[in-house]
Amino acid sequence: MKLLVVDDSSTMRRIIKNTLQRLGYDDILEAEHGLQAWELIDTIEGIKVLITDWNMPEMNGLDLVKKVRSDSRFTDIPIIMVTTEGGKAEVITALKAGVNNYIVKPFTPQVLKEKLEVVLGVNDI
């Protein structure tokens, strides 16, 4: 399954990528900002999950979410926002823009696993 991790911090991308790999995901694409992410989404088929930061240069995560949601080809891609923006107003804004789930940094690998399972509809039985 192809996942796209978008964050302007290479350290944070590495943390998320390493966590995803430990969870068994090995087809992981990376982007430094929303514009680069949009190019990947628009040109590479099969991206199944978008994990994005909010605060980034070029195009922020909220604008990326709005762009993805406004394109009928990508309305079903689950989006998880991973950000330091933890206020109630920010969470509501992100959810209204089309985010499926929200993680506030710092987070544990278990939180990422749980949020990913929710957006993918995976249930531990």
PDB file of N, CA and C in Angstrom:
ATOM      1  N   MET A   1       0.841  -1.179   0.000  1.00  0.00           N
ATOM      2  CA  MET A   1       0.000   0.000   0.000  1.00  0.00           C
ATOM      3  C   MET A   1       0.886   1.244   0.000  1.00  0.00           C
ATOM      4  N   LYS A   2       0.575   2.146  -0.893  1.00  0.00           N
ATOM      5  CA  LYS A   2       1.379   3.356  -1.071  1.00  0.00           C
ATOM      6  C   LYS A   2       0.868   4.462  -0.138  1.00  0.00           C
ATOM      7  N   LEU A   3       1.784   5.013   0.686  1.00  0.00           N
ATOM      8  CA  LEU A   3       1.460   6.104   1.587  1.00  0.00           C
ATOM      9  C   LEU A   3       2.341   7.294   1.252  1.00  0.00           C
ATOM     10  N   LEU A   4       1.813   8.501   1.462  1.00  0.00           N
ATOM     11  CA  LEU A   4       2.573   9.728   1.223  1.00  0.00           C
ATOM     12  C   LEU A   4       2.682  10.494   2.534  1.00  0.00           C
ATOM     13  N   VAL A   5       3.929  10.770   2.946  1.00  0.00           N
ATOM     14  CA  VAL A   5       4.212  11.516   4.168  1.00  0.00           C
ATOM     15  C   VAL A   5       4.718  12.896   3.763  1.00  0.00           C
ATOM     16  N   VAL A   6       4.046  13.944   4.252  1.00  0.00           N
ATOM     17  CA  VAL A   6       4.381  15.311   3.879  1.00  0.00           C
ATOM     18  C   VAL A   6       4.712  16.113   5.134  1.00  0.00           C
ATOM     19  N   ASP A   7       5.961  16.579   5.232  1.00  0.00           N
ATOM     20  CA  ASP A   7       6.386  17.405   6.361  1.00  0.00           C
ATOM     21  C   ASP A   7       7.649  18.123   5.949  1.00  0.00           C
ATOM     22  N   ASP A   8       7.770  19.393   6.315  1.00  0.00           N
ATOM     23  CA  ASP A   8       8.980  20.136   5.953  1.00  0.00           C
ATOM     24  C   ASP A   8      10.170  19.737   6.812  1.00  0.00           C
ATOM     25  N   SER A   9       9.933  19.008   7.884  1.00  0.00           N
ATOM     26  CA  SER A   9      11.028  18.525   8.736  1.00  0.00           C
ATOM     27  C   SER A   9      11.445  17.123   8.279  1.00  0.00           C
ATOM     28  N   SER A  10      12.685  17.005   7.823  1.00  0.00           N
ATOM     29  CA  SER A  10      13.172  15.688   7.390  1.00  0.00           C
ATOM     30  C   SER A  10      13.196  14.719   8.568  1.00  0.00           C
ATOM     31  N   THR A  11      13.447  15.223   9.764  1.00  0.00           N
ATOM     32  CA  THR A  11      13.450  14.377  10.964  1.00  0.00           C
ATOM     33  C   THR A  11      12.059  13.799  11.210  1.00  0.00           C
ATOM     34  N   MET A  12      11.040  14.644  11.112  1.00  0.00           N
ATOM     35  CA  MET A  12       9.674  14.167  11.341  1.00  0.00           C
ATOM     36  C   MET A  12       9.264  13.183  10.250  1.00  0.00           C
ATOM     37  N   ARG A  13       9.634  13.441   9.008  1.00  0.00           N
ATOM     38  CA  ARG A  13       9.328  12.478   7.933  1.00  0.00           C
ATOM     39  C   ARG A  13       9.981  11.134   8.243  1.00  0.00           C
ATOM     40  N   ARG A  14      11.225  11.172   8.709  1.00  0.00           N
ATOM     41  CA  ARG A  14      11.932   9.928   9.022  1.00  0.00           C
ATOM     42  C   ARG A  14      11.247   9.183  10.177  1.00  0.00           C
ATOM     43  N   ILE A  15      10.824   9.917  11.209  1.00  0.00           N
ATOM     44  CA  ILE A  15      10.139   9.290  12.351  1.00  0.00           C
ATOM     45  C   ILE A  15       8.854   8.610  11.881  1.00  0.00           C
ATOM     46  N   ILE A  16       8.068   9.323  11.098  1.00  0.00           N
ATOM     47  CA  ILE A  16       6.800   8.757  10.613  1.00  0.00           C
ATOM     48  C   ILE A  16       7.073   7.569   9.695  1.00  0.00           C
ATOM     49  N   LYS A  17       8.030   7.730   8.800  1.00  0.00           N
ATOM     50  CA  LYS A  17       8.361   6.651   7.863  1.00  0.00           C
ATOM     51  C   LYS A  17       8.846   5.405   8.612  1.00  0.00           C
ATOM     52  N   ASN A  18       9.723   5.585   9.595  1.00  0.00           N
ATOM     53  CA  ASN A  18      10.223   4.444  10.375  1.00  0.00           C
ATOM     54  C   ASN A  18       9.087   3.753  11.123  1.00  0.00           C
ATOM     55  N   THR A  19       8.177   4.548  11.679  1.00  0.00           N
ATOM     56  CA  THR A  19       7.021   3.974  12.379  1.00  0.00           C
ATOM     57  C   THR A  19       6.165   3.166  11.417  1.00  0.00           C
ATOM     58  N   LEU A  20       5.891   3.721  10.240  1.00  0.00           N
ATOM     59  CA  LEU A  20       5.090   3.015   9.240  1.00  0.00           C
ATOM     60  C   LEU A  20       5.761   1.721   8.800  1.00  0.00           C
ATOM     61  N   GLN A  21       7.086   1.768   8.626  1.00  0.00           N
ATOM     62  CA  GLN A  21       7.811   0.558   8.227  1.00  0.00           C
ATOM     63  C   GLN A  21       7.722  -0.513   9.306  1.00  0.00           C
ATOM     64  N   ARG A  22       7.809  -0.107  10.566  1.00  0.00           N
ATOM     65  CA  ARG A  22       7.668  -1.078  11.662  1.00  0.00           C
ATOM     66  C   ARG A  22       6.265  -1.681  11.696  1.00  0.00           C
ATOM     67  N   LEU A  23       5.290  -0.936  11.181  1.00  0.00           N
ATOM     68  CA  LEU A  23       3.914  -1.436  11.119  1.00  0.00           C
ATOM     69  C   LEU A  23       3.669  -2.293   9.878  1.00  0.00           C
ATOM     70  N   GLY A  24       4.692  -2.409   9.024  1.00  0.00           N
ATOM     71  CA  GLY A  24       4.579  -3.283   7.858  1.00  0.00           C
ATOM     72  C   GLY A  24       4.343  -2.583   6.534  1.00  0.00           C
ATOM     73  N   TYR A  25       4.356  -1.250   6.541  1.00  0.00           N
ATOM     74  CA  TYR A  25       4.174  -0.502   5.296  1.00  0.00           C
ATOM     75  C   TYR A  25       5.546  -0.178   4.728  1.00  0.00           C
ATOM     76  N   ASP A  26       5.760  -0.523   3.462  1.00  0.00           N
ATOM     77  CA  ASP A  26       7.096  -0.298   2.895  1.00  0.00           C
ATOM     78  C   ASP A  26       7.088   0.550   1.625  1.00  0.00           C
ATOM     79  N   ASP A  27       5.915   0.897   1.136  1.00  0.00           N
ATOM     80  CA  ASP A  27       5.830   1.726  -0.067  1.00  0.00           C
ATOM     81  C   ASP A  27       5.455   3.144   0.360  1.00  0.00           C
ATOM     82  N   ILE A  28       6.469   3.890   0.815  1.00  0.00           N
ATOM     83  CA  ILE A  28       6.236   5.198   1.413  1.00  0.00           C
ATOM     84  C   ILE A  28       6.922   6.288   0.600  1.00  0.00           C
ATOM     85  N   LEU A  29       6.141   7.241   0.138  1.00  0.00           N
ATOM     86  CA  LEU A  29       6.664   8.393  -0.587  1.00  0.00           C
ATOM     87  C   LEU A  29       6.777   9.560   0.392  1.00  0.00           C
ATOM     88  N   GLU A  30       7.681  10.506   0.083  1.00  0.00           N
ATOM     89  CA  GLU A  30       7.877  11.660   0.946  1.00  0.00           C
ATOM     90  C   GLU A  30       7.825  12.945   0.137  1.00  0.00           C
ATOM     91  N   ALA A  31       7.345  14.005   0.791  1.00  0.00           N
ATOM     92  CA  ALA A  31       7.361  15.343   0.198  1.00  0.00           C
ATOM     93  C   ALA A  31       7.653  16.352   1.313  1.00  0.00           C
ATOM     94  N   GLU A  32       8.312  17.462   0.932  1.00  0.00           N
ATOM     95  CA  GLU A  32       8.709  18.480   1.904  1.00  0.00           C
ATOM     96  C   GLU A  32       7.632  19.525   2.138  1.00  0.00           C
ATOM     97  N   HIS A  33       6.696  19.663   1.210  1.00  0.00           N
ATOM     98  CA  HIS A  33       5.650  20.667   1.345  1.00  0.00           C
ATOM     99  C   HIS A  33       4.481  20.293   0.439  1.00  0.00           C
ATOM    100  N   GLY A  34       3.409  21.058   0.556  1.00  0.00           N
ATOM    101  CA  GLY A  34       2.188  20.740  -0.160  1.00  0.00           C
ATOM    102  C   GLY A  34       2.302  20.724  -1.669  1.00  0.00           C
ATOM    103  N   LEU A  35       3.065  21.653  -2.232  1.00  0.00           N
ATOM    104  CA  LEU A  35       3.208  21.667  -3.700  1.00  0.00           C
ATOM    105  C   LEU A  35       3.874  20.398  -4.201  1.00  0.00           C
ATOM    106  N   GLN A  36       4.933  20.000  -3.531  1.00  0.00           N
ATOM    107  CA  GLN A  36       5.632  18.768  -3.919  1.00  0.00           C
ATOM    108  C   GLN A  36       4.703  17.563  -3.728  1.00  0.00           C
ATOM    109  N   ALA A  37       3.941  17.566  -2.651  1.00  0.00           N
ATOM    110  CA  ALA A  37       2.995  16.478  -2.396  1.00  0.00           C
ATOM    111  C   ALA A  37       1.932  16.416  -3.487  1.00  0.00           C
ATOM    112  N   TRP A  38       1.416  17.583  -3.872  1.00  0.00           N
ATOM    113  CA  TRP A  38       0.384  17.611  -4.907  1.00  0.00           C
ATOM    114  C   TRP A  38       0.914  17.050  -6.218  1.00  0.00           C
ATOM    115  N   GLU A  39       2.148  17.378  -6.567  1.00  0.00           N
ATOM    116  CA  GLU A  39       2.745  16.827  -7.794  1.00  0.00           C
ATOM    117  C   GLU A  39       2.760  15.307  -7.744  1.00  0.00           C
ATOM    118  N   LEU A  40       3.115  14.740  -6.581  1.00  0.00           N
ATOM    119  CA  LEU A  40       3.148  13.283  -6.445  1.00  0.00           C
ATOM    120  C   LEU A  40       1.745  12.689  -6.534  1.00  0.00           C
ATOM    121  N   ILE A  41       0.799  13.294  -5.830  1.00  0.00           N
ATOM    122  CA  ILE A  41      -0.578  12.797  -5.840  1.00  0.00           C
ATOM    123  C   ILE A  41      -1.151  12.844  -7.250  1.00  0.00           C
ATOM    124  N   ASP A  42      -0.847  13.918  -7.955  1.00  0.00           N
ATOM    125  CA  ASP A  42      -1.396  14.135  -9.289  1.00  0.00           C
ATOM    126  C   ASP A  42      -0.776  13.232 -10.352  1.00  0.00           C
ATOM    127  N   THR A  43       0.455  12.762 -10.123  1.00  0.00           N
ATOM    128  CA  THR A  43       1.155  12.001 -11.162  1.00  0.00           C
ATOM    129  C   THR A  43       1.391  10.531 -10.834  1.00  0.00           C
ATOM    130  N   ILE A  44       1.344  10.165  -9.574  1.00  0.00           N
ATOM    131  CA  ILE A  44       1.617   8.772  -9.195  1.00  0.00           C
ATOM    132  C   ILE A  44       0.320   8.100  -8.784  1.00  0.00           C
ATOM    133  N   GLU A  45      -0.005   7.022  -9.460  1.00  0.00           N
ATOM    134  CA  GLU A  45      -1.238   6.309  -9.150  1.00  0.00           C
ATOM    135  C   GLU A  45      -1.072   5.444  -7.913  1.00  0.00           C
ATOM    136  N   GLY A  46      -2.169   5.269  -7.203  1.00  0.00           N
ATOM    137  CA  GLY A  46      -2.200   4.288  -6.128  1.00  0.00           C
ATOM    138  C   GLY A  46      -1.849   4.789  -4.744  1.00  0.00           C
ATOM    139  N   ILE A  47      -1.768   6.100  -4.545  1.00  0.00           N
ATOM    140  CA  ILE A  47      -1.520   6.592  -3.184  1.00  0.00           C
ATOM    141  C   ILE A  47      -2.796   6.366  -2.389  1.00  0.00           C
ATOM    142  N   LYS A  48      -2.684   5.604  -1.311  1.00  0.00           N
ATOM    143  CA  LYS A  48      -3.856   5.182  -0.551  1.00  0.00           C
ATOM    144  C   LYS A  48      -4.087   5.989   0.715  1.00  0.00           C
ATOM    145  N   VAL A  49      -3.027   6.611   1.258  1.00  0.00           N
ATOM    146  CA  VAL A  49      -3.153   7.405   2.480  1.00  0.00           C
ATOM    147  C   VAL A  49      -2.217   8.602   2.388  1.00  0.00           C
ATOM    148  N   LEU A  50      -2.714   9.754   2.833  1.00  0.00           N
ATOM    149  CA  LEU A  50      -1.922  10.979   2.898  1.00  0.00           C
ATOM    150  C   LEU A  50      -1.764  11.357   4.367  1.00  0.00           C
ATOM    151  N   ILE A  51      -0.513  11.483   4.800  1.00  0.00           N
ATOM    152  CA  ILE A  51      -0.206  11.918   6.165  1.00  0.00           C
ATOM    153  C   ILE A  51       0.547  13.231   6.031  1.00  0.00           C
ATOM    154  N   THR A  52      -0.060  14.328   6.516  1.00  0.00           N
ATOM    155  CA  THR A  52       0.529  15.640   6.264  1.00  0.00           C
ATOM    156  C   THR A  52       0.616  16.511   7.510  1.00  0.00           C
ATOM    157  N   ASP A  53       1.659  17.316   7.542  1.00  0.00           N
ATOM    158  CA  ASP A  53       1.822  18.359   8.539  1.00  0.00           C
ATOM    159  C   ASP A  53       0.918  19.522   8.139  1.00  0.00           C
ATOM    160  N   TRP A  54       0.714  20.467   9.031  1.00  0.00           N
ATOM    161  CA  TRP A  54      -0.072  21.659   8.713  1.00  0.00           C
ATOM    162  C   TRP A  54       0.842  22.789   8.263  1.00  0.00           C
ATOM    163  N   ASN A  55       1.831  23.125   9.098  1.00  0.00           N
ATOM    164  CA  ASN A  55       2.690  24.288   8.852  1.00  0.00           C
ATOM    165  C   ASN A  55       3.900  23.909   8.002  1.00  0.00           C
ATOM    166  N   MET A  56       3.857  24.332   6.734  1.00  0.00           N
ATOM    167  CA  MET A  56       4.946  24.065   5.798  1.00  0.00           C
ATOM    168  C   MET A  56       5.049  25.235   4.823  1.00  0.00           C
ATOM    169  N   PRO A  57       6.237  25.414   4.229  1.00  0.00           N
ATOM    170  CA  PRO A  57       6.382  26.457   3.208  1.00  0.00           C
ATOM    171  C   PRO A  57       5.730  26.014   1.892  1.00  0.00           C
ATOM    172  N   GLU A  58       5.711  26.909   0.935  1.00  0.00           N
ATOM    173  CA  GLU A  58       5.196  26.651  -0.414  1.00  0.00           C
ATOM    174  C   GLU A  58       3.676  26.469  -0.433  1.00  0.00           C
ATOM    175  N   MET A  59       3.191  25.384   0.162  1.00  0.00           N
ATOM    176  CA  MET A  59       1.749  25.149   0.323  1.00  0.00           C
ATOM    177  C   MET A  59       1.585  24.417   1.647  1.00  0.00           C
ATOM    178  N   ASN A  60       0.793  24.998   2.558  1.00  0.00           N
ATOM    179  CA  ASN A  60       0.642  24.350   3.858  1.00  0.00           C
ATOM    180  C   ASN A  60      -0.294  23.146   3.765  1.00  0.00           C
ATOM    181  N   GLY A  61      -0.341  22.392   4.848  1.00  0.00           N
ATOM    182  CA  GLY A  61      -1.128  21.166   4.853  1.00  0.00           C
ATOM    183  C   GLY A  61      -2.613  21.380   4.689  1.00  0.00           C
ATOM    184  N   LEU A  62      -3.133  22.463   5.259  1.00  0.00           N
ATOM    185  CA  LEU A  62      -4.556  22.727   5.133  1.00  0.00           C
ATOM    186  C   LEU A  62      -4.924  23.024   3.675  1.00  0.00           C
ATOM    187  N   ASP A  63      -4.094  23.808   3.002  1.00  0.00           N
ATOM    188  CA  ASP A  63      -4.342  24.083   1.584  1.00  0.00           C
ATOM    189  C   ASP A  63      -4.205  22.821   0.745  1.00  0.00           C
ATOM    190  N   LEU A  64      -3.267  21.952   1.112  1.00  0.00           N
ATOM    191  CA  LEU A  64      -3.107  20.676   0.409  1.00  0.00           C
ATOM    192  C   LEU A  64      -4.371  19.829   0.572  1.00  0.00           C
ATOM    193  N   VAL A  65      -4.879  19.756   1.793  1.00  0.00           N
ATOM    194  CA  VAL A  65      -6.102  18.978   2.047  1.00  0.00           C
ATOM    195  C   VAL A  65      -7.248  19.517   1.195  1.00  0.00           C
ATOM    196  N   LYS A  66      -7.409  20.826   1.162  1.00  0.00           N
ATOM    197  CA  LYS A  66      -8.491  21.430   0.372  1.00  0.00           C
ATOM    198  C   LYS A  66      -8.326  21.120  -1.111  1.00  0.00           C
ATOM    199  N   LYS A  67      -7.072  21.160  -1.608  1.00  0.00           N
ATOM    200  CA  LYS A  67      -6.814  20.877  -3.024  1.00  0.00           C
ATOM    201  C   LYS A  67      -7.131  19.416  -3.347  1.00  0.00           C
ATOM    202  N   VAL A  68      -6.697  18.515  -2.478  1.00  0.00           N
ATOM    203  CA  VAL A  68      -6.964  17.089  -2.682  1.00  0.00           C
ATOM    204  C   VAL A  68      -8.471  16.836  -2.671  1.00  0.00           C
ATOM    205  N   ARG A  69      -9.160  17.406  -1.707  1.00  0.00           N
ATOM    206  CA  ARG A  69     -10.605  17.172  -1.576  1.00  0.00           C
ATOM    207  C   ARG A  69     -11.406  17.814  -2.710  1.00  0.00           C
ATOM    208  N   SER A  70     -10.853  18.840  -3.339  1.00  0.00           N
ATOM    209  CA  SER A  70     -11.586  19.500  -4.431  1.00  0.00           C
ATOM    210  C   SER A  70     -11.441  18.768  -5.759  1.00  0.00           C
ATOM    211  N   ASP A  71     -10.568  17.757  -5.818  1.00  0.00           N
ATOM    212  CA  ASP A  71     -10.358  16.983  -7.035  1.00  0.00           C
ATOM    213  C   ASP A  71     -11.090  15.652  -6.901  1.00  0.00           C
ATOM    214  N   SER A  72     -12.051  15.417  -7.757  1.00  0.00           N
ATOM    215  CA  SER A  72     -12.907  14.229  -7.643  1.00  0.00           C
ATOM    216  C   SER A  72     -12.133  12.915  -7.694  1.00  0.00           C
ATOM    217  N   ARG A  73     -10.924  12.935  -8.249  1.00  0.00           N
ATOM    218  CA  ARG A  73     -10.126  11.694  -8.303  1.00  0.00           C
ATOM    219  C   ARG A  73      -9.646  11.265  -6.922  1.00  0.00           C
ATOM    220  N   PHE A  74      -9.582  12.199  -5.987  1.00  0.00           N
ATOM    221  CA  PHE A  74      -8.925  11.915  -4.710  1.00  0.00           C
ATOM    222  C   PHE A  74      -9.817  12.105  -3.488  1.00  0.00           C
ATOM    223  N   THR A  75     -11.110  12.214  -3.693  1.00  0.00           N
ATOM    224  CA  THR A  75     -11.994  12.484  -2.557  1.00  0.00           C
ATOM    225  C   THR A  75     -12.021  11.356  -1.535  1.00  0.00           C
ATOM    226  N   ASP A  76     -11.636  10.144  -1.942  1.00  0.00           N
ATOM    227  CA  ASP A  76     -11.691   9.003  -1.030  1.00  0.00           C
ATOM    228  C   ASP A  76     -10.368   8.688  -0.344  1.00  0.00           C
ATOM    229  N   ILE A  77      -9.306   9.422  -0.660  1.00  0.00           N
ATOM    230  CA  ILE A  77      -8.013   9.160  -0.007  1.00  0.00           C
ATOM    231  C   ILE A  77      -8.110   9.586   1.461  1.00  0.00           C
ATOM    232  N   PRO A  78      -7.860   8.660   2.384  1.00  0.00           N
ATOM    233  CA  PRO A  78      -7.850   9.047   3.797  1.00  0.00           C
ATOM    234  C   PRO A  78      -6.684  10.014   4.061  1.00  0.00           C
ATOM    235  N   ILE A  79      -6.964  11.058   4.850  1.00  0.00           N
ATOM    236  CA  ILE A  79      -5.946  12.042   5.183  1.00  0.00           C
ATOM    237  C   ILE A  79      -5.828  12.145   6.695  1.00  0.00           C
ATOM    238  N   ILE A  80      -4.592  12.003   7.172  1.00  0.00           N
ATOM    239  CA  ILE A  80      -4.292  12.196   8.590  1.00  0.00           C
ATOM    240  C   ILE A  80      -3.397  13.425   8.699  1.00  0.00           C
ATOM    241  N   MET A  81      -3.803  14.377   9.524  1.00  0.00           N
ATOM    242  CA  MET A  81      -2.963  15.551   9.747  1.00  0.00           C
ATOM    243  C   MET A  81      -2.177  15.336  11.033  1.00  0.00           C
ATOM    244  N   VAL A  82      -0.842  15.493  10.944  1.00  0.00           N
ATOM    245  CA  VAL A  82       0.052  15.350  12.085  1.00  0.00           C
ATOM    246  C   VAL A  82       0.708  16.708  12.292  1.00  0.00           C
ATOM    247  N   THR A  83       0.367  17.388  13.381  1.00  0.00           N
ATOM    248  CA  THR A  83       0.782  18.772  13.529  1.00  0.00           C
ATOM    249  C   THR A  83       0.923  19.193  14.985  1.00  0.00           C
ATOM    250  N   THR A  84       1.588  20.303  15.203  1.00  0.00           N
ATOM    251  CA  THR A  84       1.681  20.888  16.545  1.00  0.00           C
ATOM    252  C   THR A  84       0.436  21.720  16.857  1.00  0.00           C
ATOM    253  N   GLU A  85      -0.392  21.971  15.841  1.00  0.00           N
ATOM    254  CA  GLU A  85      -1.608  22.776  16.024  1.00  0.00           C
ATOM    255  C   GLU A  85      -2.659  21.930  16.739  1.00  0.00           C
ATOM    256  N   GLY A  86      -2.727  22.077  18.065  1.00  0.00           N
ATOM    257  CA  GLY A  86      -3.600  21.200  18.840  1.00  0.00           C
ATOM    258  C   GLY A  86      -4.844  21.843  19.393  1.00  0.00           C
ATOM    259  N   GLY A  87      -5.096  23.094  19.050  1.00  0.00           N
ATOM    260  CA  GLY A  87      -6.279  23.771  19.557  1.00  0.00           C
ATOM    261  C   GLY A  87      -7.561  23.235  18.947  1.00  0.00           C
ATOM    262  N   LYS A  88      -8.647  23.372  19.698  1.00  0.00           N
ATOM    263  CA  LYS A  88      -9.940  22.875  19.228  1.00  0.00           C
ATOM    264  C   LYS A  88     -10.333  23.517  17.894  1.00  0.00           C
ATOM    265  N   ALA A  89     -10.096  24.825  17.761  1.00  0.00           N
ATOM    266  CA  ALA A  89     -10.452  25.525  16.520  1.00  0.00           C
ATOM    267  C   ALA A  89      -9.679  24.977  15.325  1.00  0.00           C
ATOM    268  N   GLU A  90      -8.392  24.658  15.531  1.00  0.00           N
ATOM    269  CA  GLU A  90      -7.576  24.111  14.438  1.00  0.00           C
ATOM    270  C   GLU A  90      -8.067  22.721  14.037  1.00  0.00           C
ATOM    271  N   VAL A  91      -8.390  21.907  15.030  1.00  0.00           N
ATOM    272  CA  VAL A  91      -8.881  20.556  14.741  1.00  0.00           C
ATOM    273  C   VAL A  91     -10.181  20.644  13.941  1.00  0.00           C
ATOM    274  N   ILE A  92     -11.083  21.504  14.355  1.00  0.00           N
ATOM    275  CA  ILE A  92     -12.363  21.668  13.647  1.00  0.00           C
ATOM    276  C   ILE A  92     -12.132  22.173  12.222  1.00  0.00           C
ATOM    277  N   THR A  93     -11.227  23.143  12.070  1.00  0.00           N
ATOM    278  CA  THR A  93     -10.906  23.670  10.740  1.00  0.00           C
ATOM    279  C   THR A  93     -10.393  22.561   9.830  1.00  0.00           C
ATOM    280  N   ALA A  94      -9.483  21.738  10.356  1.00  0.00           N
ATOM    281  CA  ALA A  94      -8.912  20.648   9.561  1.00  0.00           C
ATOM    282  C   ALA A  94      -9.976  19.617   9.184  1.00  0.00           C
ATOM    283  N   LEU A  95     -10.822  19.267  10.132  1.00  0.00           N
ATOM    284  CA  LEU A  95     -11.876  18.288   9.857  1.00  0.00           C
ATOM    285  C   LEU A  95     -12.860  18.823   8.817  1.00  0.00           C
ATOM    286  N   LYS A  96     -13.206  20.089   8.924  1.00  0.00           N
ATOM    287  CA  LYS A  96     -14.105  20.694   7.932  1.00  0.00           C
ATOM    288  C   LYS A  96     -13.471  20.726   6.546  1.00  0.00           C
ATOM    289  N   ALA A  97     -12.142  20.849   6.489  1.00  0.00           N
ATOM    290  CA  ALA A  97     -11.439  20.872   5.198  1.00  0.00           C
ATOM    291  C   ALA A  97     -11.384  19.486   4.555  1.00  0.00           C
ATOM    292  N   GLY A  98     -11.593  18.429   5.365  1.00  0.00           N
ATOM    293  CA  GLY A  98     -11.616  17.087   4.797  1.00  0.00           C
ATOM    294  C   GLY A  98     -10.642  16.096   5.396  1.00  0.00           C
ATOM    295  N   VAL A  99      -9.991  16.471   6.494  1.00  0.00           N
ATOM    296  CA  VAL A  99      -9.083  15.543   7.172  1.00  0.00           C
ATOM    297  C   VAL A  99      -9.913  14.432   7.824  1.00  0.00           C
ATOM    298  N   ASN A 100      -9.449  13.194   7.717  1.00  0.00           N
ATOM    299  CA  ASN A 100     -10.160  12.067   8.320  1.00  0.00           C
ATOM    300  C   ASN A 100      -9.769  11.837   9.768  1.00  0.00           C
ATOM    301  N   ASN A 101      -8.525  12.203  10.113  1.00  0.00           N
ATOM    302  CA  ASN A 101      -8.069  12.026  11.477  1.00  0.00           C
ATOM    303  C   ASN A 101      -6.974  13.034  11.768  1.00  0.00           C
ATOM    304  N   TYR A 102      -6.655  13.214  13.052  1.00  0.00           N
ATOM    305  CA  TYR A 102      -5.801  14.319  13.480  1.00  0.00           C
ATOM    306  C   TYR A 102      -4.898  13.836  14.602  1.00  0.00           C
ATOM    307  N   ILE A 103      -3.600  14.093  14.481  1.00  0.00           N
ATOM    308  CA  ILE A 103      -2.633  13.719  15.513  1.00  0.00           C
ATOM    309  C   ILE A 103      -1.843  14.969  15.894  1.00  0.00           C
ATOM    310  N   VAL A 104      -1.748  15.214  17.198  1.00  0.00           N
ATOM    311  CA  VAL A 104      -0.966  16.356  17.676  1.00  0.00           C
ATOM    312  C   VAL A 104       0.436  15.875  18.047  1.00  0.00           C
ATOM    313  N   LYS A 105       1.448  16.598  17.526  1.00  0.00           N
ATOM    314  CA  LYS A 105       2.840  16.296  17.870  1.00  0.00           C
ATOM    315  C   LYS A 105       3.122  16.825  19.275  1.00  0.00           C
ATOM    316  N   PRO A 106       3.958  16.160  20.044  1.00  0.00           N
ATOM    317  CA  PRO A 106       4.576  14.860  19.759  1.00  0.00           C
ATOM    318  C   PRO A 106       3.552  13.730  19.946  1.00  0.00           C
ATOM    319  N   PHE A 107       3.807  12.620  19.290  1.00  0.00           N
ATOM    320  CA  PHE A 107       2.892  11.485  19.350  1.00  0.00           C
ATOM    321  C   PHE A 107       3.700  10.206  19.491  1.00  0.00           C
ATOM    322  N   THR A 108       3.026   9.132  19.892  1.00  0.00           N
ATOM    323  CA  THR A 108       3.695   7.838  20.019  1.00  0.00           C
ATOM    324  C   THR A 108       3.398   6.999  18.774  1.00  0.00           C
ATOM    325  N   PRO A 109       4.239   6.025  18.496  1.00  0.00           N
ATOM    326  CA  PRO A 109       3.958   5.123  17.368  1.00  0.00           C
ATOM    327  C   PRO A 109       2.580   4.463  17.495  1.00  0.00           C
ATOM    328  N   GLN A 110       2.157   4.170  18.723  1.00  0.00           N
ATOM    329  CA  GLN A 110       0.854   3.536  18.945  1.00  0.00           C
ATOM    330  C   GLN A 110      -0.284   4.444  18.469  1.00  0.00           C
ATOM    331  N   VAL A 111      -0.156   5.748  18.703  1.00  0.00           N
ATOM    332  CA  VAL A 111      -1.188   6.687  18.260  1.00  0.00           C
ATOM    333  C   VAL A 111      -1.284   6.689  16.737  1.00  0.00           C
ATOM    334  N   LEU A 112      -0.136   6.726  16.065  1.00  0.00           N
ATOM    335  CA  LEU A 112      -0.140   6.698  14.600  1.00  0.00           C
ATOM    336  C   LEU A 112      -0.766   5.404  14.100  1.00  0.00           C
ATOM    337  N   LYS A 113      -0.413   4.296  14.714  1.00  0.00           N
ATOM    338  CA  LYS A 113      -0.968   2.996  14.325  1.00  0.00           C
ATOM    339  C   LYS A 113      -2.493   3.009  14.467  1.00  0.00           C
ATOM    340  N   GLU A 114      -2.979   3.491  15.610  1.00  0.00           N
ATOM    341  CA  GLU A 114      -4.422   3.499  15.854  1.00  0.00           C
ATOM    342  C   GLU A 114      -5.157   4.403  14.870  1.00  0.00           C
ATOM    343  N   LYS A 115      -4.631   5.594  14.619  1.00  0.00           N
ATOM    344  CA  LYS A 115      -5.293   6.532  13.705  1.00  0.00           C
ATOM    345  C   LYS A 115      -5.292   5.984  12.281  1.00  0.00           C
ATOM    346  N   LEU A 116      -4.192   5.338  11.893  1.00  0.00           N
ATOM    347  CA  LEU A 116      -4.097   4.740  10.561  1.00  0.00           C
ATOM    348  C   LEU A 116      -5.106   3.607  10.411  1.00  0.00           C
ATOM    349  N   GLU A 117      -5.225   2.778  11.447  1.00  0.00           N
ATOM    350  CA  GLU A 117      -6.192   1.681  11.398  1.00  0.00           C
ATOM    351  C   GLU A 117      -7.622   2.204  11.276  1.00  0.00           C
ATOM    352  N   VAL A 118      -7.904   3.324  11.959  1.00  0.00           N
ATOM    353  CA  VAL A 118      -9.246   3.900  11.887  1.00  0.00           C
ATOM    354  C   VAL A 118      -9.547   4.355  10.451  1.00  0.00           C
ATOM    355  N   VAL A 119      -8.639   5.097   9.834  1.00  0.00           N
ATOM    356  CA  VAL A 119      -8.943   5.620   8.488  1.00  0.00           C
ATOM    357  C   VAL A 119      -8.947   4.512   7.439  1.00  0.00           C
ATOM    358  N   LEU A 120      -8.243   3.428   7.700  1.00  0.00           N
ATOM    359  CA  LEU A 120      -8.233   2.309   6.753  1.00  0.00           C
ATOM    360  C   LEU A 120      -9.331   1.286   7.030  1.00  0.00           C
ATOM    361  N   GLY A 121     -10.022   1.464   8.156  1.00  0.00           N
ATOM    362  CA  GLY A 121     -11.090   0.523   8.503  1.00  0.00           C
ATOM    363  C   GLY A 121     -10.578  -0.821   8.959  1.00  0.00           C
ATOM    364  N   VAL A 122      -9.396  -0.828   9.576  1.00  0.00           N
ATOM    365  CA  VAL A 122      -8.801  -2.064  10.079  1.00  0.00           C
ATOM    366  C   VAL A 122      -9.223  -2.246  11.528  1.00  0.00           C
ATOM    367  N   ASN A 123      -9.716  -3.414  11.856  1.00  0.00           N
ATOM    368  CA  ASN A 123     -10.128  -3.687  13.246  1.00  0.00           C
ATOM    369  C   ASN A 123      -9.296  -4.817  13.812  1.00  0.00           C
ATOM    370  N   ASP A 124      -8.761  -4.584  15.015  1.00  0.00           N
ATOM    371  CA  ASP A 124      -8.071  -5.665  15.716  1.00  0.00           C
ATOM    372  C   ASP A 124      -9.123  -6.506  16.426  1.00  0.00           C
ATOM    373  N   ILE A 125      -9.153  -7.793  16.101  1.00  0.00           N
ATOM    374  CA  ILE A 125     -10.143  -8.678  16.726  1.00  0.00           C
ATOM    375  C   ILE A 125      -9.440  -9.682  17.607  1.00  0.00           C
TER     376      ILE A 125
END
